[in-house]
């Protein structure tokens, strides 16, 4: 661990970060900036379908292990497959441990929409209410300094979706290399402070399994259940190949059924 008592905050030597966001939000660009090069997909699974790109980047006295997930609202992948890859990505680190932080990357564009809020709530259903203490917001594609109105919109979004930390970071489009370096340092500093507040604990499979059990009970009470049909066979095959290496075999079917239900009930926010 880094830092002694009374000086620098205690931080993990290996800081595991899962990048989540819509396709085009800038996740890959953020990852490549930390690496100083283009990332290379690591094939940790027997299947040719790697759930995400993972890379390690030295940063100060730490190793940043970054997982760049498939973008939400992907145009060529089914909603069920995107969710399955997201879950598999969460537990595919070499250490087999979960992440210290889910870095939620949001492209500013027109601020926040109802779909943006609902999308995070879907993630909360998947990973459980406790996951909100592991989420950190990163705003990309901001031109210049934030206005007071923009800051107010960000605060409202954080409150609506339920992130535990009120802090966030911004990537400025107009910044030069010096600005980018400063923004990187600030981002890692804020993440480390959040991790320290979480007592260096990471998100775990136990938390995920509990969340899925809660979701299963909710699905049983729902009137929008849908049985998987013949057209879902490819989705099921891909999902099992992705999830089996990181989850108990008897748990994979439950997760797949939950993903099908979520994709059916909340389809709009996963496509727009």
Protein backbone atom coordinates (compact mmCIF):
# COMPACT_ATOMS: atom_id res chain seq x y z
CA UNK A 1 0.00 0.00 0.00
CA UNK A 2 1.16 3.53 -0.66
CA UNK A 3 1.57 6.33 1.85
CA UNK A 4 2.09 6.36 5.59
CA UNK A 5 -0.42 7.46 8.19
CA UNK A 6 -0.62 11.21 8.51
CA UNK A 7 0.83 11.87 5.05
CA UNK A 8 -0.55 10.64 1.75
CA UNK A 9 -3.82 8.67 1.62
CA UNK A 10 -3.53 4.90 1.50
CA UNK A 11 -4.14 3.61 -2.02
CA UNK A 12 -4.04 0.17 -3.66
CA UNK A 13 -0.90 -0.70 -5.59
CA UNK A 14 -3.15 -2.10 -8.31
CA UNK A 15 -6.10 0.15 -9.11
CA UNK A 16 -8.71 -1.74 -11.16
CA UNK A 17 -11.00 0.44 -13.28
CA UNK A 18 -13.92 -0.61 -15.49
CA UNK A 19 -14.87 2.03 -18.07
CA UNK A 20 -18.60 2.13 -18.84
CA UNK A 21 -20.57 4.39 -21.16
CA UNK A 22 -22.42 4.74 -24.43
CA UNK A 23 -20.70 3.95 -27.70
CA UNK A 24 -18.80 7.09 -28.68
CA UNK A 25 -18.58 8.53 -25.16
CA UNK A 26 -14.77 8.47 -25.29
CA UNK A 27 -13.89 5.42 -23.16
CA UNK A 28 -11.26 4.09 -25.55
CA UNK A 29 -9.71 7.53 -25.96
CA UNK A 30 -9.40 7.86 -22.17
CA UNK A 31 -7.77 4.44 -21.96
CA UNK A 32 -5.32 5.17 -24.77
CA UNK A 33 -4.38 8.48 -23.16
CA UNK A 34 -3.35 6.68 -19.98
CA UNK A 35 -1.44 4.09 -22.01
CA UNK A 36 0.21 6.56 -24.35
CA UNK A 37 -0.70 4.23 -27.23
CA UNK A 38 -3.56 2.24 -28.72
CA UNK A 39 -4.81 -0.57 -26.48
CA UNK A 40 -4.65 -4.21 -27.56
CA UNK A 41 -7.44 -6.65 -26.75
CA UNK A 42 -6.27 -9.44 -24.43
CA UNK A 43 -7.80 -12.83 -25.16
CA UNK A 44 -8.28 -14.23 -21.68
CA UNK A 45 -11.19 -16.43 -22.71
CA UNK A 46 -11.30 -19.69 -24.65
CA UNK A 47 -13.86 -18.12 -26.96
CA UNK A 48 -12.78 -15.70 -29.68
CA UNK A 49 -15.31 -13.30 -28.17
CA UNK A 50 -13.29 -11.22 -25.71
CA UNK A 51 -15.66 -9.28 -23.44
CA UNK A 52 -13.53 -6.14 -23.43
CA UNK A 53 -10.08 -4.68 -23.86
CA UNK A 54 -7.87 -4.76 -20.76
CA UNK A 55 -4.52 -3.05 -20.32
CA UNK A 56 -2.16 -2.08 -17.50
CA UNK A 57 -0.61 1.37 -17.29
CA UNK A 58 1.92 2.59 -14.69
CA UNK A 59 0.82 5.79 -13.00
CA UNK A 60 2.97 7.19 -10.22
CA UNK A 61 3.42 4.43 -7.64
CA UNK A 62 0.37 2.54 -8.88
CA UNK A 63 -0.59 0.15 -11.66
CA UNK A 64 -3.83 1.13 -13.36
CA UNK A 65 -5.61 -1.93 -14.74
CA UNK A 66 -8.16 -0.63 -17.23
CA UNK A 67 -11.06 -2.55 -18.76
CA UNK A 68 -12.70 -0.79 -21.72
CA UNK A 69 -16.17 -2.34 -22.03
CA UNK A 70 -18.35 -2.64 -25.11
CA UNK A 71 -20.34 0.56 -25.51
CA UNK A 72 -23.91 0.71 -24.29
CA UNK A 73 -26.38 1.42 -27.11
CA UNK A 74 -24.10 -0.50 -29.48
CA UNK A 75 -25.39 -0.46 -33.05
CA UNK A 76 -24.30 -3.94 -34.17
CA UNK A 77 -24.66 -6.02 -30.99
CA UNK A 78 -27.85 -7.11 -29.25
CA UNK A 79 -28.76 -5.51 -25.94
CA UNK A 80 -28.47 -8.90 -24.23
CA UNK A 81 -24.97 -9.46 -25.58
CA UNK A 82 -23.83 -5.99 -24.53
CA UNK A 83 -25.06 -6.61 -20.97
CA UNK A 84 -23.41 -10.06 -20.86
CA UNK A 85 -20.10 -8.59 -22.02
CA UNK A 86 -20.34 -5.83 -19.43
CA UNK A 87 -20.81 -8.36 -16.62
CA UNK A 88 -18.00 -10.59 -17.90
CA UNK A 89 -15.70 -7.55 -18.15
CA UNK A 90 -16.28 -6.73 -14.49
CA UNK A 91 -14.61 -9.96 -13.36
CA UNK A 92 -12.07 -10.66 -16.08
CA UNK A 93 -9.03 -9.05 -14.44
CA UNK A 94 -5.96 -11.30 -14.15
CA UNK A 95 -6.27 -11.12 -10.35
CA UNK A 96 -9.83 -12.53 -10.63
CA UNK A 97 -10.97 -9.73 -8.33
CA UNK A 98 -13.60 -7.14 -9.09
CA UNK A 99 -12.91 -3.46 -9.83
CA UNK A 100 -12.25 -0.68 -7.36
CA UNK A 101 -14.24 1.71 -9.53
CA UNK A 102 -16.72 1.80 -12.39
CA UNK A 103 -15.72 4.91 -14.32
CA UNK A 104 -18.91 6.12 -15.97
CA UNK A 105 -17.88 8.07 -19.07
CA UNK A 106 -20.52 10.48 -20.37
CA UNK A 107 -20.18 12.61 -23.49
CA UNK A 108 -21.63 16.04 -22.71
CA UNK A 109 -23.26 16.86 -26.06
CA UNK A 110 -26.77 17.92 -24.96
CA UNK A 111 -26.32 17.37 -21.26
CA UNK A 112 -28.40 14.55 -19.76
CA UNK A 113 -31.57 12.92 -21.06
CA UNK A 114 -34.17 10.69 -19.42
CA UNK A 115 -32.53 7.75 -21.22
CA UNK A 116 -29.18 8.64 -19.63
CA UNK A 117 -30.74 8.42 -16.17
CA UNK A 118 -32.61 5.19 -16.93
CA UNK A 119 -29.45 3.62 -18.34
CA UNK A 120 -27.61 4.03 -15.04
CA UNK A 121 -30.62 2.65 -13.19
CA UNK A 122 -30.41 -0.49 -15.35
CA UNK A 123 -26.78 -0.86 -14.26
CA UNK A 124 -27.90 -0.48 -10.66
CA UNK A 125 -30.40 -3.31 -11.16
CA UNK A 126 -27.68 -5.53 -12.61
CA UNK A 127 -24.98 -4.86 -10.02
CA UNK A 128 -27.11 -3.96 -6.97
CA UNK A 129 -27.61 -0.77 -4.98
CA UNK A 130 -24.22 -1.17 -3.26
CA UNK A 131 -22.48 -0.67 -6.61
CA UNK A 132 -23.30 3.03 -6.49
CA UNK A 133 -20.47 3.62 -4.01
CA UNK A 134 -18.05 2.34 -6.69
CA UNK A 135 -19.26 4.62 -9.52
CA UNK A 136 -17.38 7.77 -10.52
CA UNK A 137 -18.55 10.18 -13.23
CA UNK A 138 -16.24 11.45 -15.98
CA UNK A 139 -17.62 14.06 -18.39
CA UNK A 140 -16.03 14.21 -21.85
CA UNK A 141 -16.27 16.56 -24.84
CA UNK A 142 -16.62 19.75 -22.84
CA UNK A 143 -15.50 22.88 -24.71
CA UNK A 144 -13.92 25.30 -22.29
CA UNK A 145 -14.85 25.72 -18.64
CA UNK A 146 -18.13 24.46 -17.22
CA UNK A 147 -20.83 27.07 -16.72
CA UNK A 148 -22.76 27.25 -13.45
CA UNK A 149 -25.80 25.82 -15.28
CA UNK A 150 -23.77 22.86 -16.55
CA UNK A 151 -22.44 22.18 -13.05
CA UNK A 152 -25.99 22.28 -11.75
CA UNK A 153 -27.11 19.76 -14.39
CA UNK A 154 -24.27 17.42 -13.41
CA UNK A 155 -25.16 17.64 -9.72
CA UNK A 156 -28.81 16.87 -10.51
CA UNK A 157 -27.80 13.86 -12.63
CA UNK A 158 -25.60 12.45 -9.86
CA UNK A 159 -28.46 12.83 -7.38
CA UNK A 160 -31.03 11.23 -9.71
CA UNK A 161 -28.96 8.14 -10.50
CA UNK A 162 -27.74 7.69 -6.93
CA UNK A 163 -23.95 7.85 -7.18
CA UNK A 164 -22.59 7.99 -3.61
CA UNK A 165 -19.81 10.44 -4.37
CA UNK A 166 -20.83 13.92 -5.46
CA UNK A 167 -17.45 14.46 -7.10
CA UNK A 168 -16.76 14.15 -10.82
CA UNK A 169 -14.07 15.05 -13.35
CA UNK A 170 -14.13 16.70 -16.76
CA UNK A 171 -12.06 16.24 -19.92
CA UNK A 172 -11.76 19.54 -21.81
CA UNK A 173 -11.73 19.29 -25.61
CA UNK A 174 -9.69 22.47 -25.91
CA UNK A 175 -6.95 21.36 -23.54
CA UNK A 176 -3.36 20.82 -24.69
CA UNK A 177 -1.08 17.97 -23.57
CA UNK A 178 -0.23 19.81 -20.35
CA UNK A 179 -3.94 20.16 -19.58
CA UNK A 180 -4.55 16.47 -20.32
CA UNK A 181 -1.79 15.43 -17.94
CA UNK A 182 -3.28 17.64 -15.24
CA UNK A 183 -6.75 16.19 -15.87
CA UNK A 184 -5.39 12.63 -15.67
CA UNK A 185 -3.72 13.32 -12.33
CA UNK A 186 -6.87 14.92 -10.96
CA UNK A 187 -9.00 11.97 -12.11
CA UNK A 188 -6.76 9.37 -10.47
CA UNK A 189 -6.55 11.50 -7.32
CA UNK A 190 -10.34 11.70 -7.04
CA UNK A 191 -10.72 7.97 -7.72
CA UNK A 192 -8.13 7.12 -5.07
CA UNK A 193 -9.96 9.28 -2.54
CA UNK A 194 -13.17 7.40 -3.31
CA UNK A 195 -11.37 4.06 -2.97
CA UNK A 196 -9.94 5.18 0.35
CA UNK A 197 -13.44 6.13 1.54
CA UNK A 198 -14.50 2.59 0.57
CA UNK A 199 -11.68 1.30 2.82
CA UNK A 200 -9.84 -0.03 -0.28
CA UNK A 201 -12.60 -2.59 -0.83
CA UNK A 202 -13.45 -3.56 -4.38
CA UNK A 203 -16.75 -4.64 -5.91
CA UNK A 204 -17.11 -8.41 -5.42
CA UNK A 205 -18.83 -11.42 -6.95
CA UNK A 206 -20.74 -11.82 -3.70
CA UNK A 207 -22.27 -8.36 -4.17
CA UNK A 208 -23.12 -9.24 -7.77
CA UNK A 209 -24.71 -12.57 -6.88
CA UNK A 210 -26.83 -10.89 -4.21
CA UNK A 211 -27.92 -8.24 -6.72
CA UNK A 212 -28.91 -10.92 -9.22
CA UNK A 213 -30.96 -12.74 -6.58
CA UNK A 214 -32.83 -9.50 -5.82
CA UNK A 215 -33.37 -9.01 -9.56
CA UNK A 216 -34.63 -12.60 -9.94
CA UNK A 217 -37.33 -11.97 -7.34
CA UNK A 218 -38.30 -8.76 -9.11
CA UNK A 219 -38.59 -10.59 -12.42
CA UNK A 220 -40.81 -13.24 -10.86
CA UNK A 221 -43.23 -10.52 -9.75
CA UNK A 222 -43.12 -8.75 -13.10
CA UNK A 223 -45.83 -9.05 -15.74
CA UNK A 224 -43.30 -8.53 -18.54
CA UNK A 225 -41.48 -11.86 -18.31
CA UNK A 226 -40.42 -13.27 -21.65
CA UNK A 227 -39.36 -16.83 -22.33
CA UNK A 228 -36.32 -17.24 -24.54
CA UNK A 229 -37.25 -18.40 -28.01
CA UNK A 230 -35.42 -20.01 -30.91
CA UNK A 231 -34.17 -16.63 -32.09
CA UNK A 232 -32.35 -16.17 -28.80
CA UNK A 233 -30.12 -19.21 -29.27
CA UNK A 234 -27.17 -17.22 -30.61
CA UNK A 235 -27.49 -14.72 -27.75
CA UNK A 236 -27.55 -17.58 -25.23
CA UNK A 237 -24.52 -19.29 -26.78
CA UNK A 238 -22.44 -16.10 -26.80
CA UNK A 239 -23.52 -15.18 -23.27
CA UNK A 240 -22.60 -18.58 -21.86
CA UNK A 241 -19.17 -18.42 -23.51
CA UNK A 242 -18.61 -14.99 -21.95
CA UNK A 243 -20.00 -15.63 -18.48
CA UNK A 244 -18.95 -19.23 -17.77
CA UNK A 245 -15.25 -18.37 -17.18
CA UNK A 246 -16.12 -15.81 -14.48
CA UNK A 247 -19.34 -17.07 -12.86
CA UNK A 248 -20.57 -20.41 -11.44
CA UNK A 249 -22.11 -22.53 -14.20
CA UNK A 250 -25.48 -22.80 -12.46
CA UNK A 251 -25.54 -19.00 -12.12
CA UNK A 252 -25.02 -18.21 -15.79
CA UNK A 253 -28.57 -19.14 -16.84
CA UNK A 254 -30.02 -16.87 -14.15
CA UNK A 255 -27.91 -13.94 -15.36
CA UNK A 256 -28.87 -14.58 -18.98
CA UNK A 257 -32.58 -14.63 -18.12
CA UNK A 258 -32.15 -11.36 -16.23
CA UNK A 259 -30.41 -9.76 -19.21
CA UNK A 260 -33.24 -10.81 -21.52
CA UNK A 261 -35.79 -9.31 -19.12
CA UNK A 262 -33.85 -6.06 -18.77
CA UNK A 263 -33.41 -5.75 -22.54
CA UNK A 264 -37.16 -6.25 -22.99
CA UNK A 265 -38.35 -3.93 -20.22
CA UNK A 266 -35.76 -1.15 -20.62
CA UNK A 267 -34.89 -1.52 -24.30
CA UNK A 268 -35.20 2.15 -25.24
CA UNK A 269 -32.50 3.40 -22.87
CA UNK A 270 -30.16 0.65 -24.08
CA UNK A 271 -30.53 1.64 -27.73
CA UNK A 272 -30.80 5.46 -27.68
